[in-house]
């Protein structure tokens, strides 16, 4: 079980759960110090680190036990962030406008602004805009964070904060608890880099809705 001091509990807001300003400052300080933060999204709990800090990204790979050849995706605040880090043609922009914020991760050709540690050998980067008040609050306060699920590689993706803690334990600096994730299923991963829509991983959005 995680120590109580490692948990930041959300409060009810008019538009959904949120962190107090003081607790959000704590989470941002942890991220800025190369720390690891588990945070809620619309799909499952995510493991967030500063994607522009190579040491922090390496910690995330180590904690998850994930092969370094499998890049982590990144959460951004808006479609503007998607366009900053991934090349959006007209088709990709239309797709993102329809499905973001939401439970989809898009693979795009990385721009020169993308964090190199998250770019695949094929020069692709995975990007998503989560539809969750706390995740968006964190992204607004700190900036982009990694968007990998908060589990050991191969383990179940956590729908509640306690499940993330059972898998990752004290290897994580801060857990943000906002209760169960609404969808309880990982994001659908779609490759938009070739001008069409290619589903890489089935997820919360059914194929017929894409």
Protein backbone atom coordinates (compact mmCIF):
# COMPACT_ATOMS: atom_id res chain seq x y z
CA UNK A 1 0.00 0.00 0.00
CA UNK A 2 1.15 3.54 -0.74
CA UNK A 3 1.95 5.92 2.08
CA UNK A 4 -0.80 8.45 2.72
CA UNK A 5 1.65 11.33 2.19
CA UNK A 6 2.02 10.29 -1.45
CA UNK A 7 -1.66 10.78 -2.27
CA UNK A 8 -3.26 14.03 -3.41
CA UNK A 9 -7.03 13.68 -3.21
CA UNK A 10 -9.25 15.65 -5.56
CA UNK A 11 -12.18 17.79 -4.52
CA UNK A 12 -15.51 18.19 -6.30
CA UNK A 13 -15.74 21.12 -8.68
CA UNK A 14 -18.56 22.49 -10.82
CA UNK A 15 -17.19 20.79 -13.94
CA UNK A 16 -15.78 17.68 -12.29
CA UNK A 17 -13.03 16.70 -9.84
CA UNK A 18 -10.08 19.02 -9.43
CA UNK A 19 -6.98 19.51 -7.32
CA UNK A 20 -6.60 22.40 -4.95
CA UNK A 21 -4.12 25.02 -6.09
CA UNK A 22 -1.75 24.01 -3.32
CA UNK A 23 -1.82 20.33 -4.32
CA UNK A 24 -1.39 21.19 -8.00
CA UNK A 25 1.70 23.19 -7.08
CA UNK A 26 3.04 20.10 -5.29
CA UNK A 27 2.45 17.92 -8.35
CA UNK A 28 4.14 20.45 -10.64
CA UNK A 29 7.16 20.70 -8.36
CA UNK A 30 7.52 16.92 -8.41
CA UNK A 31 7.40 16.85 -12.21
CA UNK A 32 9.92 19.68 -12.46
CA UNK A 33 12.27 17.72 -10.18
CA UNK A 34 12.30 14.66 -12.49
CA UNK A 35 9.63 12.95 -10.38
CA UNK A 36 6.82 10.59 -11.34
CA UNK A 37 3.14 11.45 -10.94
CA UNK A 38 0.17 9.13 -11.42
CA UNK A 39 -2.86 11.09 -12.61
CA UNK A 40 -6.45 10.34 -13.70
CA UNK A 41 -7.71 10.52 -17.27
CA UNK A 42 -10.97 9.72 -19.02
CA UNK A 43 -9.66 6.25 -19.89
CA UNK A 44 -7.30 4.85 -17.20
CA UNK A 45 -4.79 6.30 -14.76
CA UNK A 46 -1.66 7.60 -16.45
CA UNK A 47 1.98 7.81 -15.44
CA UNK A 48 3.27 11.33 -15.99
CA UNK A 49 6.81 12.67 -16.19
CA UNK A 50 8.34 15.65 -17.93
CA UNK A 51 8.71 14.40 -21.53
CA UNK A 52 11.50 16.88 -22.23
CA UNK A 53 13.65 15.54 -19.41
CA UNK A 54 15.54 12.43 -20.52
CA UNK A 55 16.26 11.33 -16.95
CA UNK A 56 12.58 11.51 -16.01
CA UNK A 57 11.54 9.59 -19.13
CA UNK A 58 14.12 6.91 -18.38
CA UNK A 59 12.65 6.58 -14.87
CA UNK A 60 9.20 6.00 -16.37
CA UNK A 61 10.52 3.21 -18.60
CA UNK A 62 12.29 1.60 -15.65
CA UNK A 63 9.30 1.80 -13.30
CA UNK A 64 7.00 0.29 -15.91
CA UNK A 65 9.52 -2.34 -17.00
CA UNK A 66 8.81 -1.27 -20.57
CA UNK A 67 11.08 -1.94 -23.54
CA UNK A 68 12.85 1.28 -24.56
CA UNK A 69 11.98 0.44 -28.18
CA UNK A 70 8.31 1.12 -27.36
CA UNK A 71 8.09 4.93 -27.06
CA UNK A 72 5.74 6.57 -24.58
CA UNK A 73 2.95 8.83 -25.78
CA UNK A 74 2.39 12.40 -24.61
CA UNK A 75 -0.65 14.27 -23.30
CA UNK A 76 -1.17 17.88 -24.36
CA UNK A 77 -3.76 20.50 -23.43
CA UNK A 78 -5.35 21.09 -26.83
CA UNK A 79 -5.26 20.41 -30.55
CA UNK A 80 -2.87 23.34 -30.75
CA UNK A 81 -0.42 21.23 -28.74
CA UNK A 82 -0.97 18.29 -31.08
CA UNK A 83 -0.10 20.54 -34.03
CA UNK A 84 3.01 21.81 -32.27
CA UNK A 85 4.52 18.37 -31.76
CA UNK A 86 3.01 16.40 -34.66
CA UNK A 87 2.51 17.26 -38.33
CA UNK A 88 -1.22 17.73 -38.99
CA UNK A 89 -2.43 17.57 -42.57
CA UNK A 90 -6.04 18.53 -43.36
CA UNK A 91 -7.30 14.99 -42.82
CA UNK A 92 -5.52 14.57 -39.47
CA UNK A 93 -6.69 17.98 -38.30
CA UNK A 94 -10.30 17.09 -39.10
CA UNK A 95 -9.95 13.80 -37.22
CA UNK A 96 -8.51 15.52 -34.15
CA UNK A 97 -11.21 18.20 -34.20
CA UNK A 98 -13.84 15.44 -34.08
CA UNK A 99 -12.27 13.21 -31.41
CA UNK A 100 -10.27 15.51 -29.10
CA UNK A 101 -10.48 15.90 -26.18
CA UNK A 102 -11.28 12.23 -25.91
CA UNK A 103 -10.05 8.65 -25.58
CA UNK A 104 -7.83 8.55 -28.65
CA UNK A 105 -4.07 8.67 -29.17
CA UNK A 106 -2.90 9.73 -32.63
CA UNK A 107 0.43 8.80 -34.19
CA UNK A 108 1.86 11.60 -36.31
CA UNK A 109 5.16 12.52 -37.88
CA UNK A 110 7.05 14.37 -35.17
CA UNK A 111 7.93 18.02 -35.58
CA UNK A 112 11.27 19.49 -34.57
CA UNK A 113 9.62 20.65 -31.31
CA UNK A 114 8.75 17.11 -30.20
CA UNK A 115 10.72 15.62 -27.29
CA UNK A 116 13.23 13.28 -28.93
CA UNK A 117 12.95 10.67 -26.19
CA UNK A 118 9.31 10.04 -27.19
CA UNK A 119 9.87 9.85 -30.95
CA UNK A 120 9.94 6.39 -32.52
CA UNK A 121 12.51 5.12 -34.99
CA UNK A 122 9.98 5.91 -37.70
CA UNK A 123 9.91 9.55 -36.54
CA UNK A 124 6.40 9.19 -35.11
CA UNK A 125 5.04 10.55 -31.85
CA UNK A 126 1.87 9.55 -30.01
CA UNK A 127 -0.28 12.45 -28.81
CA UNK A 128 -3.58 12.74 -26.96
CA UNK A 129 -5.81 15.33 -25.29
CA UNK A 130 -7.51 13.61 -22.33
CA UNK A 131 -11.10 14.53 -21.54
CA UNK A 132 -10.69 14.82 -17.76
CA UNK A 133 -10.77 17.94 -15.61
CA UNK A 134 -7.77 16.97 -13.46
CA UNK A 135 -5.61 15.86 -16.38
CA UNK A 136 -6.34 19.11 -18.21
CA UNK A 137 -5.69 21.08 -15.01
CA UNK A 138 -2.29 19.40 -14.72
CA UNK A 139 -1.45 20.05 -18.38
CA UNK A 140 -2.43 23.70 -18.06
CA UNK A 141 -0.35 24.17 -14.91
CA UNK A 142 2.76 22.22 -15.96
CA UNK A 143 2.68 21.59 -19.68
CA UNK A 144 2.84 18.29 -21.59
CA UNK A 145 3.42 15.07 -19.65
CA UNK A 146 3.82 11.47 -20.70
CA UNK A 147 0.56 9.61 -21.22
CA UNK A 148 1.44 5.97 -20.66
CA UNK A 149 -0.83 3.86 -18.44
CA UNK A 150 0.19 3.67 -14.78
CA UNK A 151 0.97 -0.05 -14.67
CA UNK A 152 3.83 -2.48 -14.90
CA UNK A 153 4.31 -3.47 -18.52
CA UNK A 154 1.89 -6.31 -19.21
CA UNK A 155 -0.15 -5.64 -16.08
CA UNK A 156 -3.77 -4.44 -16.03
CA UNK A 157 -4.35 -0.79 -16.81
CA UNK A 158 -5.59 0.83 -13.58
CA UNK A 159 -9.11 2.22 -13.46
CA UNK A 160 -8.73 3.31 -9.82
CA UNK A 161 -5.77 4.93 -8.14
CA UNK A 162 -5.34 2.07 -5.67
CA UNK A 163 -4.68 -0.36 -8.52
CA UNK A 164 -1.91 1.88 -9.86
CA UNK A 165 -0.42 1.98 -6.37
CA UNK A 166 -0.54 -1.80 -6.03
CA UNK A 167 1.56 -2.12 -9.18
CA UNK A 168 3.93 0.84 -8.91
CA UNK A 169 4.08 1.39 -5.15
CA UNK A 170 6.78 3.67 -3.80
CA UNK A 171 8.48 4.02 -7.19
CA UNK A 172 6.02 6.86 -7.85
CA UNK A 173 6.40 10.17 -6.03
CA UNK A 174 2.80 11.41 -6.13
CA UNK A 175 -0.56 9.74 -6.77
CA UNK A 176 -3.49 11.99 -7.72
CA UNK A 177 -6.73 10.25 -6.72
CA UNK A 178 -9.92 11.39 -8.47
CA UNK A 179 -11.90 8.17 -8.11
CA UNK A 180 -12.65 5.67 -10.90
CA UNK A 181 -11.89 6.62 -14.50
CA UNK A 182 -15.10 7.05 -16.47
CA UNK A 183 -14.35 4.81 -19.46
CA UNK A 184 -12.12 2.21 -17.82
CA UNK A 185 -10.47 1.23 -21.08
CA UNK A 186 -7.26 2.42 -22.74
CA UNK A 187 -7.37 4.99 -25.52
CA UNK A 188 -7.73 3.87 -29.11
CA UNK A 189 -4.42 4.34 -30.93
CA UNK A 190 -4.70 5.54 -34.52
CA UNK A 191 -1.90 6.13 -37.02
CA UNK A 192 -2.68 9.25 -39.07
CA UNK A 193 0.82 9.69 -40.48
CA UNK A 194 0.06 8.11 -43.86
CA UNK A 195 -2.89 10.24 -44.86
CA UNK A 196 -5.53 7.71 -43.77
CA UNK A 197 -6.74 6.09 -40.56
CA UNK A 198 -4.97 2.94 -39.40
CA UNK A 199 -5.98 1.47 -36.06
CA UNK A 200 -2.93 0.32 -34.09
CA UNK A 201 -4.71 -0.56 -30.85
CA UNK A 202 -8.41 -1.04 -30.26
CA UNK A 203 -9.64 0.92 -27.28
CA UNK A 204 -12.37 3.12 -25.85
CA UNK A 205 -13.57 4.41 -29.24
CA UNK A 206 -15.22 1.70 -31.36
CA UNK A 207 -13.79 1.26 -34.86
CA UNK A 208 -17.12 2.21 -36.46
CA UNK A 209 -17.02 5.61 -34.75
CA UNK A 210 -13.64 6.60 -36.18
